[in-house]
Amino acid sequence: MNTETEPTYEIELKIYSREDRKTVMGILADNGYDVGQHKRQKTATGKGVDYYVHATMVASNANTAATKG
């Protein structure tokens, strides 16, 4: 019996391109999210994997978005 539970995130996006994952992670981090990436097996044999970006809003992170005044 597997007692491990999958972590939960506010945002989880399946993104295939490495460059696209890096871009999205940068945008999310700039907007106050704690970000990371992980991969998950497509099938039980594990021969293929999907790549994901995950993010959770952290209230204490600074809002780095520029505002016009």
PDB file of N, CA and C in Angstrom:
ATOM      1  N   MET A   1       0.839  -1.183   0.000  1.00  0.00           N
ATOM      2  CA  MET A   1       0.000   0.000   0.000  1.00  0.00           C
ATOM      3  C   MET A   1       0.884   1.246   0.000  1.00  0.00           C
ATOM      4  N   ASN A   2       0.624   2.148  -0.922  1.00  0.00           N
ATOM      5  CA  ASN A   2       1.395   3.374  -1.039  1.00  0.00           C
ATOM      6  C   ASN A   2       0.754   4.442  -0.159  1.00  0.00           C
ATOM      7  N   THR A   3       1.463   4.890   0.872  1.00  0.00           N
ATOM      8  CA  THR A   3       0.914   5.879   1.782  1.00  0.00           C
ATOM      9  C   THR A   3       1.328   7.302   1.410  1.00  0.00           C
ATOM     10  N   GLU A   4       2.141   7.443   0.376  1.00  0.00           N
ATOM     11  CA  GLU A   4       2.562   8.771  -0.060  1.00  0.00           C
ATOM     12  C   GLU A   4       1.405   9.464  -0.761  1.00  0.00           C
ATOM     13  N   THR A   5       1.250  10.755  -0.486  1.00  0.00           N
ATOM     14  CA  THR A   5       0.222  11.529  -1.162  1.00  0.00           C
ATOM     15  C   THR A   5       0.879  12.520  -2.107  1.00  0.00           C
ATOM     16  N   GLU A   6       0.172  12.813  -3.180  1.00  0.00           N
ATOM     17  CA  GLU A   6       0.677  13.784  -4.149  1.00  0.00           C
ATOM     18  C   GLU A   6       0.579  15.175  -3.537  1.00  0.00           C
ATOM     19  N   PRO A   7       1.606  16.006  -3.702  1.00  0.00           N
ATOM     20  CA  PRO A   7       1.507  17.379  -3.201  1.00  0.00           C
ATOM     21  C   PRO A   7       0.441  18.145  -3.975  1.00  0.00           C
ATOM     22  N   THR A   8      -0.125  19.148  -3.354  1.00  0.00           N
ATOM     23  CA  THR A   8      -1.117  19.966  -4.039  1.00  0.00           C
ATOM     24  C   THR A   8      -0.559  21.369  -4.246  1.00  0.00           C
ATOM     25  N   TYR A   9      -0.924  21.950  -5.358  1.00  0.00           N
ATOM     26  CA  TYR A   9      -0.461  23.281  -5.726  1.00  0.00           C
ATOM     27  C   TYR A   9      -1.658  24.109  -6.148  1.00  0.00           C
ATOM     28  N   GLU A  10      -1.549  25.422  -6.030  1.00  0.00           N
ATOM     29  CA  GLU A  10      -2.611  26.293  -6.521  1.00  0.00           C
ATOM     30  C   GLU A  10      -2.667  26.253  -8.038  1.00  0.00           C
ATOM     31  N   ILE A  11      -1.497  26.126  -8.652  1.00  0.00           N
ATOM     32  CA  ILE A  11      -1.398  26.098 -10.112  1.00  0.00           C
ATOM     33  C   ILE A  11      -0.526  24.920 -10.510  1.00  0.00           C
ATOM     34  N   GLU A  12      -0.960  24.159 -11.489  1.00  0.00           N
ATOM     35  CA  GLU A  12      -0.139  23.093 -12.064  1.00  0.00           C
ATOM     36  C   GLU A  12      -0.395  23.089 -13.565  1.00  0.00           C
ATOM     37  N   LEU A  13       0.656  23.364 -14.337  1.00  0.00           N
ATOM     38  CA  LEU A  13       0.552  23.471 -15.788  1.00  0.00           C
ATOM     39  C   LEU A  13       1.449  22.449 -16.460  1.00  0.00           C
ATOM     40  N   LYS A  14       0.895  21.711 -17.401  1.00  0.00           N
ATOM     41  CA  LYS A  14       1.705  20.780 -18.191  1.00  0.00           C
ATOM     42  C   LYS A  14       2.292  21.568 -19.358  1.00  0.00           C
ATOM     43  N   ILE A  15       3.628  21.680 -19.386  1.00  0.00           N
ATOM     44  CA  ILE A  15       4.308  22.453 -20.418  1.00  0.00           C
ATOM     45  C   ILE A  15       5.440  21.595 -20.981  1.00  0.00           C
ATOM     46  N   TYR A  16       5.416  21.339 -22.277  1.00  0.00           N
ATOM     47  CA  TYR A  16       6.374  20.423 -22.886  1.00  0.00           C
ATOM     48  C   TYR A  16       7.756  21.036 -23.110  1.00  0.00           C
ATOM     49  N   SER A  17       7.799  22.274 -23.552  1.00  0.00           N
ATOM     50  CA  SER A  17       9.069  22.899 -23.915  1.00  0.00           C
ATOM     51  C   SER A  17       9.813  23.391 -22.672  1.00  0.00           C
ATOM     52  N   ARG A  18      11.086  23.058 -22.583  1.00  0.00           N
ATOM     53  CA  ARG A  18      11.914  23.497 -21.450  1.00  0.00           C
ATOM     54  C   ARG A  18      11.983  25.020 -21.380  1.00  0.00           C
ATOM     55  N   GLU A  19      12.181  25.655 -22.524  1.00  0.00           N
ATOM     56  CA  GLU A  19      12.254  27.119 -22.561  1.00  0.00           C
ATOM     57  C   GLU A  19      10.937  27.746 -22.113  1.00  0.00           C
ATOM     58  N   ASP A  20       9.825  27.168 -22.538  1.00  0.00           N
ATOM     59  CA  ASP A  20       8.517  27.683 -22.122  1.00  0.00           C
ATOM     60  C   ASP A  20       8.323  27.528 -20.616  1.00  0.00           C
ATOM     61  N   ARG A  21       8.766  26.402 -20.057  1.00  0.00           N
ATOM     62  CA  ARG A  21       8.665  26.208 -18.601  1.00  0.00           C
ATOM     63  C   ARG A  21       9.470  27.272 -17.868  1.00  0.00           C
ATOM     64  N   LYS A  22      10.676  27.562 -18.352  1.00  0.00           N
ATOM     65  CA  LYS A  22      11.522  28.578 -17.717  1.00  0.00           C
ATOM     66  C   LYS A  22      10.866  29.958 -17.788  1.00  0.00           C
ATOM     67  N   THR A  23      10.267  30.284 -18.917  1.00  0.00           N
ATOM     68  CA  THR A  23       9.611  31.582 -19.083  1.00  0.00           C
ATOM     69  C   THR A  23       8.429  31.716 -18.134  1.00  0.00           C
ATOM     70  N   VAL A  24       7.574  30.704 -18.092  1.00  0.00           N
ATOM     71  CA  VAL A  24       6.393  30.739 -17.232  1.00  0.00           C
ATOM     72  C   VAL A  24       6.804  30.803 -15.763  1.00  0.00           C
ATOM     73  N   MET A  25       7.821  30.043 -15.382  1.00  0.00           N
ATOM     74  CA  MET A  25       8.284  30.064 -13.994  1.00  0.00           C
ATOM     75  C   MET A  25       8.792  31.457 -13.609  1.00  0.00           C
ATOM     76  N   GLY A  26       9.490  32.116 -14.519  1.00  0.00           N
ATOM     77  CA  GLY A  26       9.979  33.463 -14.252  1.00  0.00           C
ATOM     78  C   GLY A  26       8.847  34.454 -14.050  1.00  0.00           C
ATOM     79  N   ILE A  27       7.821  34.367 -14.886  1.00  0.00           N
ATOM     80  CA  ILE A  27       6.672  35.261 -14.770  1.00  0.00           C
ATOM     81  C   ILE A  27       5.951  35.033 -13.443  1.00  0.00           C
ATOM     82  N   LEU A  28       5.727  33.770 -13.093  1.00  0.00           N
ATOM     83  CA  LEU A  28       5.041  33.471 -11.833  1.00  0.00           C
ATOM     84  C   LEU A  28       5.852  33.935 -10.632  1.00  0.00           C
ATOM     85  N   ALA A  29       7.151  33.702 -10.654  1.00  0.00           N
ATOM     86  CA  ALA A  29       8.013  34.122  -9.537  1.00  0.00           C
ATOM     87  C   ALA A  29       8.007  35.638  -9.392  1.00  0.00           C
ATOM     88  N   ASP A  30       8.030  36.358 -10.505  1.00  0.00           N
ATOM     89  CA  ASP A  30       7.997  37.823 -10.462  1.00  0.00           C
ATOM     90  C   ASP A  30       6.694  38.351  -9.874  1.00  0.00           C
ATOM     91  N   ASN A  31       5.657  37.532  -9.896  1.00  0.00           N
ATOM     92  CA  ASN A  31       4.353  37.944  -9.395  1.00  0.00           C
ATOM     93  C   ASN A  31       4.027  37.342  -8.031  1.00  0.00           C
ATOM     94  N   GLY A  32       5.049  36.907  -7.297  1.00  0.00           N
ATOM     95  CA  GLY A  32       4.869  36.505  -5.914  1.00  0.00           C
ATOM     96  C   GLY A  32       4.573  35.042  -5.660  1.00  0.00           C
ATOM     97  N   TYR A  33       4.736  34.197  -6.664  1.00  0.00           N
ATOM     98  CA  TYR A  33       4.476  32.770  -6.488  1.00  0.00           C
ATOM     99  C   TYR A  33       5.767  32.026  -6.147  1.00  0.00           C
ATOM    100  N   ASP A  34       5.622  31.000  -5.330  1.00  0.00           N
ATOM    101  CA  ASP A  34       6.699  30.038  -5.079  1.00  0.00           C
ATOM    102  C   ASP A  34       6.549  28.992  -6.172  1.00  0.00           C
ATOM    103  N   VAL A  35       7.556  28.842  -7.043  1.00  0.00           N
ATOM    104  CA  VAL A  35       7.420  27.987  -8.222  1.00  0.00           C
ATOM    105  C   VAL A  35       8.424  26.848  -8.227  1.00  0.00           C
ATOM    106  N   GLY A  36       8.112  25.832  -8.980  1.00  0.00           N
ATOM    107  CA  GLY A  36       8.999  24.697  -9.170  1.00  0.00           C
ATOM    108  C   GLY A  36       8.521  23.894 -10.357  1.00  0.00           C
ATOM    109  N   GLN A  37       9.231  22.829 -10.644  1.00  0.00           N
ATOM    110  CA  GLN A  37       8.804  21.951 -11.724  1.00  0.00           C
ATOM    111  C   GLN A  37       8.971  20.513 -11.296  1.00  0.00           C
ATOM    112  N   HIS A  38       8.188  19.651 -11.899  1.00  0.00           N
ATOM    113  CA  HIS A  38       8.271  18.226 -11.610  1.00  0.00           C
ATOM    114  C   HIS A  38       7.844  17.459 -12.850  1.00  0.00           C
ATOM    115  N   LYS A  39       8.118  16.173 -12.838  1.00  0.00           N
ATOM    116  CA  LYS A  39       7.683  15.330 -13.946  1.00  0.00           C
ATOM    117  C   LYS A  39       6.886  14.170 -13.378  1.00  0.00           C
ATOM    118  N   ARG A  40       5.988  13.662 -14.190  1.00  0.00           N
ATOM    119  CA  ARG A  40       5.111  12.577 -13.782  1.00  0.00           C
ATOM    120  C   ARG A  40       5.073  11.542 -14.903  1.00  0.00           C
ATOM    121  N   GLN A  41       5.116  10.283 -14.546  1.00  0.00           N
ATOM    122  CA  GLN A  41       5.069   9.212 -15.535  1.00  0.00           C
ATOM    123  C   GLN A  41       3.730   9.240 -16.272  1.00  0.00           C
ATOM    124  N   LYS A  42       3.800   9.063 -17.592  1.00  0.00           N
ATOM    125  CA  LYS A  42       2.576   8.994 -18.399  1.00  0.00           C
ATOM    126  C   LYS A  42       1.881   7.658 -18.212  1.00  0.00           C
ATOM    127  N   THR A  43       2.688   6.593 -18.071  1.00  0.00           N
ATOM    128  CA  THR A  43       2.136   5.244 -17.948  1.00  0.00           C
ATOM    129  C   THR A  43       2.804   4.528 -16.778  1.00  0.00           C
ATOM    130  N   ALA A  44       2.272   3.385 -16.430  1.00  0.00           N
ATOM    131  CA  ALA A  44       2.826   2.610 -15.315  1.00  0.00           C
ATOM    132  C   ALA A  44       4.250   2.145 -15.591  1.00  0.00           C
ATOM    133  N   THR A  45       4.613   1.970 -16.866  1.00  0.00           N
ATOM    134  CA  THR A  45       5.965   1.522 -17.199  1.00  0.00           C
ATOM    135  C   THR A  45       6.982   2.647 -17.062  1.00  0.00           C
ATOM    136  N   GLY A  46       6.513   3.886 -17.056  1.00  0.00           N
ATOM    137  CA  GLY A  46       7.403   5.023 -16.872  1.00  0.00           C
ATOM    138  C   GLY A  46       8.272   5.340 -18.060  1.00  0.00           C
ATOM    139  N   LYS A  47       7.921   4.836 -19.247  1.00  0.00           N
ATOM    140  CA  LYS A  47       8.755   5.093 -20.420  1.00  0.00           C
ATOM    141  C   LYS A  47       8.578   6.507 -20.960  1.00  0.00           C
ATOM    142  N   GLY A  48       7.466   7.123 -20.623  1.00  0.00           N
ATOM    143  CA  GLY A  48       7.237   8.497 -21.037  1.00  0.00           C
ATOM    144  C   GLY A  48       6.885   9.339 -19.829  1.00  0.00           C
ATOM    145  N   VAL A  49       7.260  10.599 -19.881  1.00  0.00           N
ATOM    146  CA  VAL A  49       6.953  11.493 -18.763  1.00  0.00           C
ATOM    147  C   VAL A  49       6.348  12.795 -19.285  1.00  0.00           C
ATOM    148  N   ASP A  50       5.520  13.414 -18.448  1.00  0.00           N
ATOM    149  CA  ASP A  50       5.001  14.750 -18.697  1.00  0.00           C
ATOM    150  C   ASP A  50       5.712  15.696 -17.743  1.00  0.00           C
ATOM    151  N   TYR A  51       5.986  16.906 -18.206  1.00  0.00           N
ATOM    152  CA  TYR A  51       6.675  17.901 -17.395  1.00  0.00           C
ATOM    153  C   TYR A  51       5.687  18.984 -16.973  1.00  0.00           C
ATOM    154  N   TYR A  52       5.769  19.380 -15.697  1.00  0.00           N
ATOM    155  CA  TYR A  52       4.826  20.337 -15.126  1.00  0.00           C
ATOM    156  C   TYR A  52       5.562  21.472 -14.434  1.00  0.00           C
ATOM    157  N   VAL A  53       4.929  22.636 -14.456  1.00  0.00           N
ATOM    158  CA  VAL A  53       5.316  23.767 -13.627  1.00  0.00           C
ATOM    159  C   VAL A  53       4.244  23.862 -12.550  1.00  0.00           C
ATOM    160  N   HIS A  54       4.668  24.011 -11.288  1.00  0.00           N
ATOM    161  CA  HIS A  54       3.692  24.185 -10.213  1.00  0.00           C
ATOM    162  C   HIS A  54       4.003  25.463  -9.453  1.00  0.00           C
ATOM    163  N   ALA A  55       2.951  26.040  -8.873  1.00  0.00           N
ATOM    164  CA  ALA A  55       3.123  27.310  -8.170  1.00  0.00           C
ATOM    165  C   ALA A  55       2.113  27.440  -7.043  1.00  0.00           C
ATOM    166  N   THR A  56       2.547  28.121  -5.998  1.00  0.00           N
ATOM    167  CA  THR A  56       1.696  28.434  -4.861  1.00  0.00           C
ATOM    168  C   THR A  56       1.951  29.890  -4.482  1.00  0.00           C
ATOM    169  N   MET A  57       0.880  30.643  -4.267  1.00  0.00           N
ATOM    170  CA  MET A  57       1.025  32.049  -3.865  1.00  0.00           C
ATOM    171  C   MET A  57       1.545  32.096  -2.439  1.00  0.00           C
ATOM    172  N   VAL A  58       2.559  32.929  -2.240  1.00  0.00           N
ATOM    173  CA  VAL A  58       3.124  33.132  -0.907  1.00  0.00           C
ATOM    174  C   VAL A  58       2.863  34.581  -0.531  1.00  0.00           C
ATOM    175  N   ALA A  59       2.044  34.789   0.490  1.00  0.00           N
ATOM    176  CA  ALA A  59       1.621  36.137   0.862  1.00  0.00           C
ATOM    177  C   ALA A  59       2.788  37.044   1.230  1.00  0.00           C
ATOM    178  N   SER A  60       3.853  36.469   1.780  1.00  0.00           N
ATOM    179  CA  SER A  60       4.977  37.294   2.220  1.00  0.00           C
ATOM    180  C   SER A  60       5.913  37.700   1.088  1.00  0.00           C
ATOM    181  N   ASN A  61       5.735  37.116  -0.107  1.00  0.00           N
ATOM    182  CA  ASN A  61       6.590  37.494  -1.236  1.00  0.00           C
ATOM    183  C   ASN A  61       6.261  38.910  -1.681  1.00  0.00           C
ATOM    184  N   ALA A  62       7.279  39.631  -2.061  1.00  0.00           N
ATOM    185  CA  ALA A  62       7.094  41.023  -2.494  1.00  0.00           C
ATOM    186  C   ALA A  62       6.361  41.060  -3.825  1.00  0.00           C
ATOM    187  N   ASN A  63       5.502  42.059  -3.968  1.00  0.00           N
ATOM    188  CA  ASN A  63       4.847  42.307  -5.230  1.00  0.00           C
ATOM    189  C   ASN A  63       5.816  43.112  -6.088  1.00  0.00           C
ATOM    190  N   THR A  64       6.390  42.462  -7.097  1.00  0.00           N
ATOM    191  CA  THR A  64       7.399  43.134  -7.930  1.00  0.00           C
ATOM    192  C   THR A  64       6.803  43.750  -9.170  1.00  0.00           C
ATOM    193  N   ALA A  65       5.482  43.699  -9.311  1.00  0.00           N
ATOM    194  CA  ALA A  65       4.840  44.263 -10.491  1.00  0.00           C
ATOM    195  C   ALA A  65       4.950  45.788 -10.434  1.00  0.00           C
ATOM    196  N   ALA A  66       5.373  46.368 -11.540  1.00  0.00           N
ATOM    197  CA  ALA A  66       5.495  47.821 -11.618  1.00  0.00           C
ATOM    198  C   ALA A  66       4.112  48.449 -11.736  1.00  0.00           C
ATOM    199  N   THR A  67       3.918  49.541 -11.056  1.00  0.00           N
ATOM    200  CA  THR A  67       2.641  50.250 -11.149  1.00  0.00           C
ATOM    201  C   THR A  67       2.887  51.644 -11.694  1.00  0.00           C
ATOM    202  N   LYS A  68       1.949  52.102 -12.489  1.00  0.00           N
ATOM    203  CA  LYS A  68       2.047  53.458 -13.042  1.00  0.00           C
ATOM    204  C   LYS A  68       1.343  54.404 -12.082  1.00  0.00           C
ATOM    205  N   GLY A  69       1.931  55.524 -11.853  1.00  0.00           N
ATOM    206  CA  GLY A  69       1.328  56.447 -10.905  1.00  0.00           C
ATOM    207  C   GLY A  69       1.162  57.758 -11.416  1.00  0.00           C
TER     208      GLY A  69
END
